[in-house]
C-alpha atoms as a PDB file:
ATOM      1  CA  UNK A   1      17.435  11.203  -6.705  1.00  0.00           C
ATOM      2  CA  UNK A   2      16.561  13.995  -4.756  1.00  0.00           C
ATOM      3  CA  UNK A   3      20.096  15.429  -2.490  1.00  0.00           C
ATOM      4  CA  UNK A   4      19.392  15.675   1.213  1.00  0.00           C
ATOM      5  CA  UNK A   5      19.013  19.393   0.867  1.00  0.00           C
ATOM      6  CA  UNK A   6      16.078  19.597  -1.920  1.00  0.00           C
ATOM      7  CA  UNK A   7      14.057  16.928   0.153  1.00  0.00           C
ATOM      8  CA  UNK A   8      11.244  18.791   1.828  1.00  0.00           C
ATOM      9  CA  UNK A   9       9.281  15.911   2.960  1.00  0.00           C
ATOM     10  CA  UNK A  10      10.096  12.918   5.143  1.00  0.00           C
ATOM     11  CA  UNK A  11       7.443  10.041   4.607  1.00  0.00           C
ATOM     12  CA  UNK A  12       7.395   7.558   8.072  1.00  0.00           C
ATOM     13  CA  UNK A  13       5.643   4.621   8.031  1.00  0.00           C
ATOM     14  CA  UNK A  14       6.272   2.155  10.550  1.00  0.00           C
ATOM     15  CA  UNK A  15       5.415  -1.531   9.338  1.00  0.00           C
ATOM     16  CA  UNK A  16       4.850  -5.079  11.253  1.00  0.00           C
ATOM     17  CA  UNK A  17       3.813  -7.436   8.819  1.00  0.00           C
ATOM     18  CA  UNK A  18       2.000  -6.016   6.241  1.00  0.00           C
ATOM     19  CA  UNK A  19       3.832  -6.619   3.229  1.00  0.00           C
ATOM     20  CA  UNK A  20       0.781  -6.203   0.959  1.00  0.00           C
ATOM     21  CA  UNK A  21      -0.337  -3.114   2.600  1.00  0.00           C
ATOM     22  CA  UNK A  22       2.929  -1.197   2.121  1.00  0.00           C
ATOM     23  CA  UNK A  23       3.102  -2.685  -1.623  1.00  0.00           C
ATOM     24  CA  UNK A  24      -0.098  -0.633  -2.203  1.00  0.00           C
ATOM     25  CA  UNK A  25       1.322   2.559  -0.621  1.00  0.00           C
ATOM     26  CA  UNK A  26       4.505   2.136  -2.121  1.00  0.00           C
ATOM     27  CA  UNK A  27       2.806   2.345  -5.604  1.00  0.00           C
ATOM     28  CA  UNK A  28       0.650   5.448  -4.684  1.00  0.00           C
ATOM     29  CA  UNK A  29       3.764   7.219  -3.463  1.00  0.00           C
ATOM     30  CA  UNK A  30       5.667   6.072  -6.798  1.00  0.00           C
ATOM     31  CA  UNK A  31       3.309   7.872  -8.935  1.00  0.00           C
ATOM     32  CA  UNK A  32       3.358  11.755  -7.177  1.00  0.00           C
ATOM     33  CA  UNK A  33       3.144  14.419  -9.191  1.00  0.00           C
ATOM     34  CA  UNK A  34       5.410  16.209  -6.519  1.00  0.00           C
ATOM     35  CA  UNK A  35       8.589  14.000  -6.281  1.00  0.00           C
ATOM     36  CA  UNK A  36       9.687  16.456  -3.547  1.00  0.00           C
ATOM     37  CA  UNK A  37       9.700  13.589  -0.610  1.00  0.00           C
ATOM     38  CA  UNK A  38      11.814  10.611   0.908  1.00  0.00           C
ATOM     39  CA  UNK A  39      10.057   7.486   1.955  1.00  0.00           C
ATOM     40  CA  UNK A  40      11.503   5.913   5.378  1.00  0.00           C
ATOM     41  CA  UNK A  41       9.970   2.684   6.146  1.00  0.00           C
ATOM     42  CA  UNK A  42      10.846   1.305   9.407  1.00  0.00           C
ATOM     43  CA  UNK A  43      10.170  -2.302   9.778  1.00  0.00           C
ATOM     44  CA  UNK A  44       9.389  -3.208  13.556  1.00  0.00           C
ATOM     45  CA  UNK A  45      10.533  -6.833  14.011  1.00  0.00           C
ATOM     46  CA  UNK A  46       8.374  -8.313  11.469  1.00  0.00           C
ATOM     47  CA  UNK A  47       8.429 -11.973  10.633  1.00  0.00           C
ATOM     48  CA  UNK A  48       7.144 -11.045   7.128  1.00  0.00           C
ATOM     49  CA  UNK A  49       9.184  -8.346   5.892  1.00  0.00           C
ATOM     50  CA  UNK A  50       8.309  -6.034   3.135  1.00  0.00           C
ATOM     51  CA  UNK A  51      12.459  -5.311   1.872  1.00  0.00           C
ATOM     52  CA  UNK A  52      11.307  -7.001  -1.359  1.00  0.00           C
ATOM     53  CA  UNK A  53       8.641  -4.580  -1.865  1.00  0.00           C
ATOM     54  CA  UNK A  54      10.697  -1.404  -0.545  1.00  0.00           C
ATOM     55  CA  UNK A  55      13.361  -2.424  -3.236  1.00  0.00           C
ATOM     56  CA  UNK A  56      10.424  -2.738  -5.984  1.00  0.00           C
ATOM     57  CA  UNK A  57       9.114   0.921  -5.538  1.00  0.00           C
ATOM     58  CA  UNK A  58      12.921   2.402  -4.082  1.00  0.00           C
ATOM     59  CA  UNK A  59      13.808   4.506  -6.901  1.00  0.00           C
ATOM     60  CA  UNK A  60      10.353   5.928  -8.020  1.00  0.00           C
ATOM     61  CA  UNK A  61       9.424   6.407  -4.221  1.00  0.00           C
ATOM     62  CA  UNK A  62      12.985   7.190  -2.615  1.00  0.00           C
ATOM     63  CA  UNK A  63      12.626   4.362  -0.115  1.00  0.00           C
ATOM     64  CA  UNK A  64      14.955   4.288   2.471  1.00  0.00           C
ATOM     65  CA  UNK A  65      14.464   0.736   4.237  1.00  0.00           C
ATOM     66  CA  UNK A  66      15.603   0.157   8.064  1.00  0.00           C
ATOM     67  CA  UNK A  67      14.978  -2.984  10.160  1.00  0.00           C
ATOM     68  CA  UNK A  68      14.914  -2.637  13.836  1.00  0.00           C
ATOM     69  CA  UNK A  69      13.847  -5.405  16.545  1.00  0.00           C
ATOM     70  CA  UNK A  70      10.420  -5.265  17.555  1.00  0.00           C
ATOM     71  CA  UNK A  71       9.263  -2.101  20.065  1.00  0.00           C
ATOM     72  CA  UNK A  72       6.292  -0.608  19.040  1.00  0.00           C
ATOM     73  CA  UNK A  73       4.892   1.672  16.551  1.00  0.00           C
ATOM     74  CA  UNK A  74       5.905   4.581  18.330  1.00  0.00           C
ATOM     75  CA  UNK A  75       9.698   3.820  19.040  1.00  0.00           C
ATOM     76  CA  UNK A  76       9.527   3.111  15.197  1.00  0.00           C
ATOM     77  CA  UNK A  77       8.091   6.011  14.012  1.00  0.00           C
ATOM     78  CA  UNK A  78      10.897   8.165  16.423  1.00  0.00           C
ATOM     79  CA  UNK A  79      13.693   5.877  14.653  1.00  0.00           C
ATOM     80  CA  UNK A  80      12.536   6.861  11.357  1.00  0.00           C
ATOM     81  CA  UNK A  81      12.655  10.414  12.510  1.00  0.00           C
ATOM     82  CA  UNK A  82      16.281  10.083  13.261  1.00  0.00           C
ATOM     83  CA  UNK A  83      17.256   8.824  10.114  1.00  0.00           C
ATOM     84  CA  UNK A  84      15.365  11.285   8.039  1.00  0.00           C
ATOM     85  CA  UNK A  85      16.386  14.322   6.137  1.00  0.00           C
ATOM     86  CA  UNK A  86      13.436  16.514   5.328  1.00  0.00           C
ATOM     87  CA  UNK A  87      12.077  19.743   6.873  1.00  0.00           C
ATOM     88  CA  UNK A  88       9.187  18.007   7.270  1.00  0.00           C
ATOM     89  CA  UNK A  89       7.957  14.518   8.870  1.00  0.00           C
ATOM     90  CA  UNK A  90       4.875  12.955   7.526  1.00  0.00           C
ATOM     91  CA  UNK A  91       3.118  10.110   9.182  1.00  0.00           C
ATOM     92  CA  UNK A  92       0.887   7.961   7.454  1.00  0.00           C
ATOM     93  CA  UNK A  93      -0.336   3.972   7.950  1.00  0.00           C
ATOM     94  CA  UNK A  94       0.816   1.197   6.493  1.00  0.00           C
ATOM     95  CA  UNK A  95      -2.988   0.668   5.026  1.00  0.00           C
ATOM     96  CA  UNK A  96      -3.235   3.896   3.588  1.00  0.00           C
ATOM     97  CA  UNK A  97      -3.116   4.882  -0.369  1.00  0.00           C
ATOM     98  CA  UNK A  98      -2.123   8.380  -0.976  1.00  0.00           C
ATOM     99  CA  UNK A  99      -3.772  10.109  -3.945  1.00  0.00           C
ATOM    100  CA  UNK A 100      -1.104  10.799  -6.854  1.00  0.00           C
ATOM    101  CA  UNK A 101      -1.379  14.836  -5.973  1.00  0.00           C
ATOM    102  CA  UNK A 102      -1.128  14.042  -1.916  1.00  0.00           C
ATOM    103  CA  UNK A 103       2.423  15.805  -1.983  1.00  0.00           C
ATOM    104  CA  UNK A 104       1.602  18.778  -4.409  1.00  0.00           C
ATOM    105  CA  UNK A 105      -1.898  19.607  -2.345  1.00  0.00           C
ATOM    106  CA  UNK A 106       0.098  19.483   1.071  1.00  0.00           C
ATOM    107  CA  UNK A 107       3.127  21.433  -0.380  1.00  0.00           C
ATOM    108  CA  UNK A 108       0.593  24.277  -1.495  1.00  0.00           C
ATOM    109  CA  UNK A 109      -1.461  24.103   1.512  1.00  0.00           C
ATOM    110  CA  UNK A 110       1.872  24.814   3.387  1.00  0.00           C
ATOM    111  CA  UNK A 111       2.589  27.668   1.327  1.00  0.00           C
ATOM    112  CA  UNK A 112      -0.962  29.345   1.286  1.00  0.00           C
ATOM    113  CA  UNK A 113      -1.492  28.929   5.317  1.00  0.00           C
ATOM    114  CA  UNK A 114       1.809  27.857   7.129  1.00  0.00           C
ATOM    115  CA  UNK A 115       1.611  25.792  10.183  1.00  0.00           C
ATOM    116  CA  UNK A 116       4.095  24.234  12.401  1.00  0.00           C
ATOM    117  CA  UNK A 117       1.807  20.799  13.151  1.00  0.00           C
ATOM    118  CA  UNK A 118      -0.893  19.694  10.645  1.00  0.00           C
ATOM    119  CA  UNK A 119      -3.089  16.803   9.269  1.00  0.00           C
ATOM    120  CA  UNK A 120      -5.857  15.898   6.644  1.00  0.00           C
ATOM    121  CA  UNK A 121      -8.906  13.790   6.746  1.00  0.00           C
ATOM    122  CA  UNK A 122      -9.128   9.790   5.460  1.00  0.00           C
ATOM    123  CA  UNK A 123     -11.837   8.577   3.495  1.00  0.00           C
ATOM    124  CA  UNK A 124     -12.744   5.179   1.518  1.00  0.00           C
ATOM    125  CA  UNK A 125     -11.211   4.411  -1.947  1.00  0.00           C
ATOM    126  CA  UNK A 126     -13.351   3.027  -4.415  1.00  0.00           C
ATOM    127  CA  UNK A 127     -11.520  -0.302  -4.694  1.00  0.00           C
ATOM    128  CA  UNK A 128     -12.193  -0.927  -0.867  1.00  0.00           C
ATOM    129  CA  UNK A 129     -14.349  -3.509   0.477  1.00  0.00           C
ATOM    130  CA  UNK A 130     -17.992  -2.615   1.177  1.00  0.00           C
ATOM    131  CA  UNK A 131     -17.413  -3.605   5.282  1.00  0.00           C
ATOM    132  CA  UNK A 132     -13.926  -0.960   4.539  1.00  0.00           C
ATOM    133  CA  UNK A 133     -16.335   1.385   3.498  1.00  0.00           C
ATOM    134  CA  UNK A 134     -18.572   1.137   5.938  1.00  0.00           C
ATOM    135  CA  UNK A 135     -16.373   0.963   8.695  1.00  0.00           C
ATOM    136  CA  UNK A 136     -14.979   4.518   7.020  1.00  0.00           C
ATOM    137  CA  UNK A 137     -18.387   5.817   7.191  1.00  0.00           C
ATOM    138  CA  UNK A 138     -18.589   5.150  11.080  1.00  0.00           C
ATOM    139  CA  UNK A 139     -15.553   6.563  11.889  1.00  0.00           C
ATOM    140  CA  UNK A 140     -15.730   9.886   9.848  1.00  0.00           C
ATOM    141  CA  UNK A 141     -19.351  10.989   9.944  1.00  0.00           C
ATOM    142  CA  UNK A 142     -20.644  13.540  12.073  1.00  0.00           C
ATOM    143  CA  UNK A 143     -23.565  11.763  13.473  1.00  0.00           C
ATOM    144  CA  UNK A 144     -21.069   9.075  14.994  1.00  0.00           C
ATOM    145  CA  UNK A 145     -17.782  11.034  15.834  1.00  0.00           C
ATOM    146  CA  UNK A 146     -18.516  14.508  15.807  1.00  0.00           C
ATOM    147  CA  UNK A 147     -16.558  15.225  12.870  1.00  0.00           C
ATOM    148  CA  UNK A 148     -13.441  14.817  15.193  1.00  0.00           C
ATOM    149  CA  UNK A 149     -11.262  13.196  12.730  1.00  0.00           C
ATOM    150  CA  UNK A 150     -10.811  15.956   9.959  1.00  0.00           C
ATOM    151  CA  UNK A 151     -14.221  16.882   9.128  1.00  0.00           C
ATOM    152  CA  UNK A 152     -15.625  19.990   7.965  1.00  0.00           C
ATOM    153  CA  UNK A 153     -17.761  20.745  11.136  1.00  0.00           C
ATOM    154  CA  UNK A 154     -16.247  19.491  14.124  1.00  0.00           C
ATOM    155  CA  UNK A 155     -17.057  19.513  17.902  1.00  0.00           C
ATOM    156  CA  UNK A 156     -14.214  19.965  19.177  1.00  0.00           C
ATOM    157  CA  UNK A 157     -10.144  21.280  18.544  1.00  0.00           C
ATOM    158  CA  UNK A 158      -8.608  19.407  15.103  1.00  0.00           C
ATOM    159  CA  UNK A 159      -6.387  16.827  16.468  1.00  0.00           C
ATOM    160  CA  UNK A 160      -4.343  15.219  13.727  1.00  0.00           C
ATOM    161  CA  UNK A 161      -4.028  11.203  13.660  1.00  0.00           C
ATOM    162  CA  UNK A 162      -0.919   9.191  12.371  1.00  0.00           C
ATOM    163  CA  UNK A 163      -2.579   8.036   9.165  1.00  0.00           C
ATOM    164  CA  UNK A 164      -2.129  11.763   8.000  1.00  0.00           C
ATOM    165  CA  UNK A 165      -0.280  13.968  10.110  1.00  0.00           C
ATOM    166  CA  UNK A 166       3.226  16.046   9.802  1.00  0.00           C
ATOM    167  CA  UNK A 167       5.438  18.317  11.870  1.00  0.00           C
ATOM    168  CA  UNK A 168       8.338  20.193  11.430  1.00  0.00           C
ATOM    169  CA  UNK A 169      11.826  19.171  12.240  1.00  0.00           C
ATOM    170  CA  UNK A 170      11.702  21.854  14.599  1.00  0.00           C
ATOM    171  CA  UNK A 171       8.665  20.492  16.603  1.00  0.00           C
ATOM    172  CA  UNK A 172      10.515  17.257  16.615  1.00  0.00           C
ATOM    173  CA  UNK A 173      13.593  19.063  18.354  1.00  0.00           C
ATOM    174  CA  UNK A 174      11.615  20.989  21.084  1.00  0.00           C
ATOM    175  CA  UNK A 175       8.776  18.039  21.920  1.00  0.00           C
ATOM    176  CA  UNK A 176      10.368  14.762  21.272  1.00  0.00           C
ATOM    177  CA  UNK A 177       9.143  11.806  19.415  1.00  0.00           C
ATOM    178  CA  UNK A 178       6.199   9.851  20.105  1.00  0.00           C
ATOM    179  CA  UNK A 179       5.535   7.895  23.492  1.00  0.00           C
ATOM    180  CA  UNK A 180       4.286   4.242  22.982  1.00  0.00           C
ATOM    181  CA  UNK A 181       0.954   4.135  24.378  1.00  0.00           C
ATOM    182  CA  UNK A 182      -2.937   3.712  22.892  1.00  0.00           C
ATOM    183  CA  UNK A 183      -3.709   6.926  21.354  1.00  0.00           C
ATOM    184  CA  UNK A 184      -0.150   8.076  21.219  1.00  0.00           C
ATOM    185  CA  UNK A 185      -1.078  10.667  18.292  1.00  0.00           C
ATOM    186  CA  UNK A 186      -3.355  12.392  20.542  1.00  0.00           C
ATOM    187  CA  UNK A 187      -0.712  12.581  23.187  1.00  0.00           C
ATOM    188  CA  UNK A 188       1.555  13.756  20.891  1.00  0.00           C
ATOM    189  CA  UNK A 189      -0.990  16.585  19.701  1.00  0.00           C
ATOM    190  CA  UNK A 190      -1.466  18.053  22.715  1.00  0.00           C
ATOM    191  CA  UNK A 191       2.096  18.016  23.832  1.00  0.00           C
ATOM    192  CA  UNK A 192       2.582  19.944  20.390  1.00  0.00           C
ATOM    193  CA  UNK A 193      -0.072  22.450  21.427  1.00  0.00           C
ATOM    194  CA  UNK A 194       1.227  22.811  25.163  1.00  0.00           C
ATOM    195  CA  UNK A 195       4.551  23.302  23.910  1.00  0.00           C
ATOM    196  CA  UNK A 196       2.864  26.458  21.947  1.00  0.00           C
ATOM    197  CA  UNK A 197       2.964  25.657  18.697  1.00  0.00           C
ATOM    198  CA  UNK A 198       0.180  25.972  16.043  1.00  0.00           C
ATOM    199  CA  UNK A 199      -2.015  22.657  14.812  1.00  0.00           C
ATOM    200  CA  UNK A 200      -4.010  23.227  11.442  1.00  0.00           C
ATOM    201  CA  UNK A 201      -6.622  21.216   9.200  1.00  0.00           C
ATOM    202  CA  UNK A 202      -5.903  20.946   5.837  1.00  0.00           C
ATOM    203  CA  UNK A 203      -9.113  19.382   4.543  1.00  0.00           C
ATOM    204  CA  UNK A 204      -8.090  19.084   0.783  1.00  0.00           C
ATOM    205  CA  UNK A 205      -4.981  16.636   2.228  1.00  0.00           C
ATOM    206  CA  UNK A 206      -6.506  13.675   2.361  1.00  0.00           C
ATOM    207  CA  UNK A 207      -5.680   9.875   2.063  1.00  0.00           C
ATOM    208  CA  UNK A 208      -7.636   6.742   1.480  1.00  0.00           C
ATOM    209  CA  UNK A 209      -7.504   4.550   4.463  1.00  0.00           C
ATOM    210  CA  UNK A 210      -8.358   1.075   4.782  1.00  0.00           C
ATOM    211  CA  UNK A 211      -8.911   0.346   7.831  1.00  0.00           C
ATOM    212  CA  UNK A 212      -9.959  -3.154   9.719  1.00  0.00           C
ATOM    213  CA  UNK A 213     -11.870  -5.660   7.612  1.00  0.00           C
ATOM    214  CA  UNK A 214     -13.930  -6.943  10.016  1.00  0.00           C
ATOM    215  CA  UNK A 215     -15.993  -5.855  12.680  1.00  0.00           C
ATOM    216  CA  UNK A 216     -14.591  -8.259  15.306  1.00  0.00           C
ATOM    217  CA  UNK A 217     -10.997  -6.459  14.598  1.00  0.00           C
ATOM    218  CA  UNK A 218     -12.984  -2.640  14.367  1.00  0.00           C
ATOM    219  CA  UNK A 219     -14.183  -3.585  17.665  1.00  0.00           C
ATOM    220  CA  UNK A 220     -11.453  -4.096  19.428  1.00  0.00           C
ATOM    221  CA  UNK A 221      -9.716  -1.082  17.910  1.00  0.00           C
ATOM    222  CA  UNK A 222     -12.324   1.266  19.254  1.00  0.00           C
ATOM    223  CA  UNK A 223     -12.919  -0.317  22.509  1.00  0.00           C
ATOM    224  CA  UNK A 224      -9.085   0.489  22.943  1.00  0.00           C
ATOM    225  CA  UNK A 225      -9.718   4.017  21.791  1.00  0.00           C
ATOM    226  CA  UNK A 226     -12.558   4.311  24.428  1.00  0.00           C
ATOM    227  CA  UNK A 227      -9.841   3.305  27.341  1.00  0.00           C
ATOM    228  CA  UNK A 228      -6.961   5.248  26.330  1.00  0.00           C
ATOM    229  CA  UNK A 229      -9.411   8.579  26.112  1.00  0.00           C
ATOM    230  CA  UNK A 230      -9.379   8.180  30.022  1.00  0.00           C
ATOM    231  CA  UNK A 231      -5.783   7.523  29.981  1.00  0.00           C
ATOM    232  CA  UNK A 232      -5.384  11.112  28.219  1.00  0.00           C
ATOM    233  CA  UNK A 233      -7.499  12.552  30.997  1.00  0.00           C
ATOM    234  CA  UNK A 234      -5.535  11.085  33.642  1.00  0.00           C
ATOM    235  CA  UNK A 235      -2.086  12.624  31.977  1.00  0.00           C
ATOM    236  CA  UNK A 236      -3.962  15.863  30.573  1.00  0.00           C
ATOM    237  CA  UNK A 237      -6.506  17.070  32.966  1.00  0.00           C
ATOM    238  CA  UNK A 238      -9.267  18.709  31.179  1.00  0.00           C
ATOM    239  CA  UNK A 239      -8.740  17.432  28.010  1.00  0.00           C
ATOM    240  CA  UNK A 240     -11.925  15.250  28.621  1.00  0.00           C
ATOM    241  CA  UNK A 241     -14.388  17.068  26.298  1.00  0.00           C
ATOM    242  CA  UNK A 242     -18.159  16.193  25.864  1.00  0.00           C
ATOM    243  CA  UNK A 243     -17.726  14.938  22.696  1.00  0.00           C
ATOM    244  CA  UNK A 244     -15.805  12.182  24.076  1.00  0.00           C
ATOM    245  CA  UNK A 245     -18.638  11.135  26.794  1.00  0.00           C
ATOM    246  CA  UNK A 246     -21.143  10.457  24.001  1.00  0.00           C
ATOM    247  CA  UNK A 247     -20.439   6.943  23.019  1.00  0.00           C
ATOM    248  CA  UNK A 248     -20.427   6.118  26.477  1.00  0.00           C
ATOM    249  CA  UNK A 249     -23.478   7.973  27.115  1.00  0.00           C
ATOM    250  CA  UNK A 250     -25.168   6.117  23.464  1.00  0.00           C
ATOM    251  CA  UNK A 251     -24.217   2.850  25.794  1.00  0.00           C
ATOM    252  CA  UNK A 252     -26.372   3.595  28.699  1.00  0.00           C
ATOM    253  CA  UNK A 253     -29.235   5.304  27.327  1.00  0.00           C
ATOM    254  CA  UNK A 254     -29.659   2.010  24.797  1.00  0.00           C
ATOM    255  CA  UNK A 255     -29.395  -0.343  27.387  1.00  0.00           C
ATOM    256  CA  UNK A 256     -32.221   1.790  29.221  1.00  0.00           C
ATOM    257  CA  UNK A 257     -34.008   1.836  26.236  1.00  0.00           C
ATOM    258  CA  UNK A 258     -34.040  -1.689  25.384  1.00  0.00           C
ATOM    259  CA  UNK A 259     -34.533  -2.825  28.910  1.00  0.00           C
ATOM    260  CA  UNK A 260     -37.344  -0.218  29.269  1.00  0.00           C
ATOM    261  CA  UNK A 261     -38.928  -1.418  25.984  1.00  0.00           C
ATOM    262  CA  UNK A 262     -40.131  -4.863  27.842  1.00  0.00           C
ATOM    263  CA  UNK A 263     -42.435  -2.322  29.814  1.00  0.00           C
ATOM    264  CA  UNK A 264     -42.900   0.476  27.009  1.00  0.00           C
ATOM    265  CA  UNK A 265     -42.369  -0.178  23.582  1.00  0.00           C
ATOM    266  CA  UNK A 266     -42.359   3.313  22.583  1.00  0.00           C
ATOM    267  CA  UNK A 267     -38.956   4.224  24.495  1.00  0.00           C
ATOM    268  CA  UNK A 268     -37.429   2.476  21.574  1.00  0.00           C
ATOM    269  CA  UNK A 269     -38.370   5.207  19.254  1.00  0.00           C
ATOM    270  CA  UNK A 270     -34.990   7.715  19.803  1.00  0.00           C
ATOM    271  CA  UNK A 271     -32.753   4.787  18.810  1.00  0.00           C
ATOM    272  CA  UNK A 272     -35.313   3.829  15.846  1.00  0.00           C
ATOM    273  CA  UNK A 273     -35.124   7.502  14.660  1.00  0.00           C
ATOM    274  CA  UNK A 274     -31.088   7.448  14.828  1.00  0.00           C
ATOM    275  CA  UNK A 275     -30.524   4.135  12.847  1.00  0.00           C
ATOM    276  CA  UNK A 276     -32.646   5.373  10.533  1.00  0.00           C
ATOM    277  CA  UNK A 277     -30.898   8.676  10.170  1.00  0.00           C
ATOM    278  CA  UNK A 278     -27.549   6.906  10.045  1.00  0.00           C
ATOM    279  CA  UNK A 279     -29.511   4.534   7.513  1.00  0.00           C
ATOM    280  CA  UNK A 280     -30.510   7.408   5.192  1.00  0.00           C
ATOM    281  CA  UNK A 281     -27.508   9.356   5.653  1.00  0.00           C
ATOM    282  CA  UNK A 282     -25.039   6.310   4.962  1.00  0.00           C
ATOM    283  CA  UNK A 283     -26.769   5.516   1.836  1.00  0.00           C
ATOM    284  CA  UNK A 284     -26.819   9.100   0.560  1.00  0.00           C
ATOM    285  CA  UNK A 285     -22.796   9.843   1.350  1.00  0.00           C
ATOM    286  CA  UNK A 286     -21.595   6.264   0.093  1.00  0.00           C
ATOM    287  CA  UNK A 287     -24.461   6.146  -2.433  1.00  0.00           C
ATOM    288  CA  UNK A 288     -25.035   2.264  -1.633  1.00  0.00           C
ATOM    289  CA  UNK A 289     -27.765   1.312  -0.047  1.00  0.00           C
ATOM    290  CA  UNK A 290     -25.714  -2.073   0.610  1.00  0.00           C
ATOM    291  CA  UNK A 291     -22.929  -0.035   2.352  1.00  0.00           C
ATOM    292  CA  UNK A 292     -25.403   2.281   3.998  1.00  0.00           C
ATOM    293  CA  UNK A 293     -27.054  -0.862   5.765  1.00  0.00           C
ATOM    294  CA  UNK A 294     -23.664  -1.972   7.146  1.00  0.00           C
ATOM    295  CA  UNK A 295     -22.759   1.796   7.882  1.00  0.00           C
ATOM    296  CA  UNK A 296     -25.345   0.899  10.680  1.00  0.00           C
ATOM    297  CA  UNK A 297     -23.970  -1.944  11.880  1.00  0.00           C
ATOM    298  CA  UNK A 298     -20.601  -0.695  11.942  1.00  0.00           C
ATOM    299  CA  UNK A 299     -21.974   2.743  13.758  1.00  0.00           C
ATOM    300  CA  UNK A 300     -23.332   0.573  16.502  1.00  0.00           C
ATOM    301  CA  UNK A 301     -19.840  -1.318  16.618  1.00  0.00           C
ATOM    302  CA  UNK A 302     -18.149   2.073  16.873  1.00  0.00           C
ATOM    303  CA  UNK A 303     -20.229   3.640  19.396  1.00  0.00           C
ATOM    304  CA  UNK A 304     -20.364   0.330  21.472  1.00  0.00           C
ATOM    305  CA  UNK A 305     -17.124  -0.622  21.064  1.00  0.00           C
ATOM    306  CA  UNK A 306     -15.816   2.701  22.265  1.00  0.00           C
ATOM    307  CA  UNK A 307     -18.276   3.523  24.533  1.00  0.00           C
ATOM    308  CA  UNK A 308     -18.096   0.218  26.713  1.00  0.00           C
ATOM    309  CA  UNK A 309     -14.255   0.929  26.330  1.00  0.00           C
ATOM    310  CA  UNK A 310     -14.993   4.232  28.269  1.00  0.00           C
ATOM    311  CA  UNK A 311     -16.981   2.931  31.142  1.00  0.00           C
ATOM    312  CA  UNK A 312     -14.572   0.382  31.625  1.00  0.00           C
ATOM    313  CA  UNK A 313     -11.755   2.480  31.884  1.00  0.00           C
ATOM    314  CA  UNK A 314     -13.267   5.203  33.945  1.00  0.00           C
ATOM    315  CA  UNK A 315     -14.575   2.540  36.261  1.00  0.00           C
ATOM    316  CA  UNK A 316     -11.005   0.935  36.718  1.00  0.00           C
ATOM    317  CA  UNK A 317      -8.743   3.977  36.598  1.00  0.00           C
ATOM    318  CA  UNK A 318     -11.106   6.961  38.092  1.00  0.00           C
ATOM    319  CA  UNK A 319     -13.452   5.414  40.077  1.00  0.00           C
ATOM    320  CA  UNK A 320     -11.687   2.786  41.649  1.00  0.00           C
ATOM    321  CA  UNK A 321      -8.554   4.552  41.146  1.00  0.00           C
ATOM    322  CA  UNK A 322      -6.249   1.416  39.794  1.00  0.00           C
ATOM    323  CA  UNK A 323      -4.354   3.524  37.124  1.00  0.00           C
ATOM    324  CA  UNK A 324      -1.237   3.510  39.074  1.00  0.00           C
ATOM    325  CA  UNK A 325       0.740   3.523  35.823  1.00  0.00           C
ATOM    326  CA  UNK A 326      -0.640   6.874  35.003  1.00  0.00           C
ATOM    327  CA  UNK A 327      -0.283   8.344  38.712  1.00  0.00           C
ATOM    328  CA  UNK A 328       3.564   7.517  38.018  1.00  0.00           C
ATOM    329  CA  UNK A 329       3.816   8.986  34.577  1.00  0.00           C
ATOM    330  CA  UNK A 330       2.053  12.158  35.930  1.00  0.00           C
ATOM    331  CA  UNK A 331       4.397  12.405  38.889  1.00  0.00           C
ATOM    332  CA  UNK A 332       7.149  12.381  36.422  1.00  0.00           C
ATOM    333  CA  UNK A 333       5.942  15.095  34.628  1.00  0.00           C
ATOM    334  CA  UNK A 334       5.420  17.064  37.292  1.00  0.00           C
ATOM    335  CA  UNK A 335       8.888  16.468  38.605  1.00  0.00           C
ATOM    336  CA  UNK A 336      10.717  17.913  35.665  1.00  0.00           C
END
């Protein structure tokens, strides 16, 4: 087992009732070609614990298991950082699988291009279901998200997400930990930038991300993402970029086109052309017509779910000014 002095990376994973997922993640960590890491599993008050899975892979993945009362994933990550020995803290979700050369590639990337904070993209593993692969397409395609999740072509500055994110211990000492909120990774990245640290995309350091297993859960997830974007704008005025508004505009113009089609069917041409482009690109990129077709449905869920959440929060918190919790947070920050 590596001594604390020789451990460079601390991989921190919050877990809540996900023993099967953790088993897959730990298996992938056990197969790493570079063993210079420790794995910090923080069980956040689960009723179905993963302690046996951690024991099974404990030696090969250098697992340290902690159980605490349920307080949320951000508090769990902070709990893990307080107990980590690494010079860098790496965050992945419990539903991720790491390629066996993940740590090796990360070490090389840091050596070639050192950075205080970094992240990489996510992808679909060949073992994932067709629905999971379709959702992955919707969340990573430039046609749907503008490449903001680690794509090579991106419409805004790269922001690491906690399914594949890391930063140095020095960042933690200066910036502090995650805050318990939706889009806590974007909030954390923003605070890291404001503190003067650099953020780098390592496109070759990717993870396999299982994501949601059905469209209903996927809708709920992206709807919350859309709402949280308004919260972030209130916390950090000026952080809202045009790319963030595109799903909301899609919802509005799609509704206009559908209603207008009752009077002139040609108004649907832009929507049909976009759907066709999604299907073609999805079928080509996934090498499957079936997944490409499911990808169109996933893209509609992603755009409409995020866009409707964005509109809902914009009306409630900005137009109707009901975001008092955010106003209190802004006042607290200004008072520091």
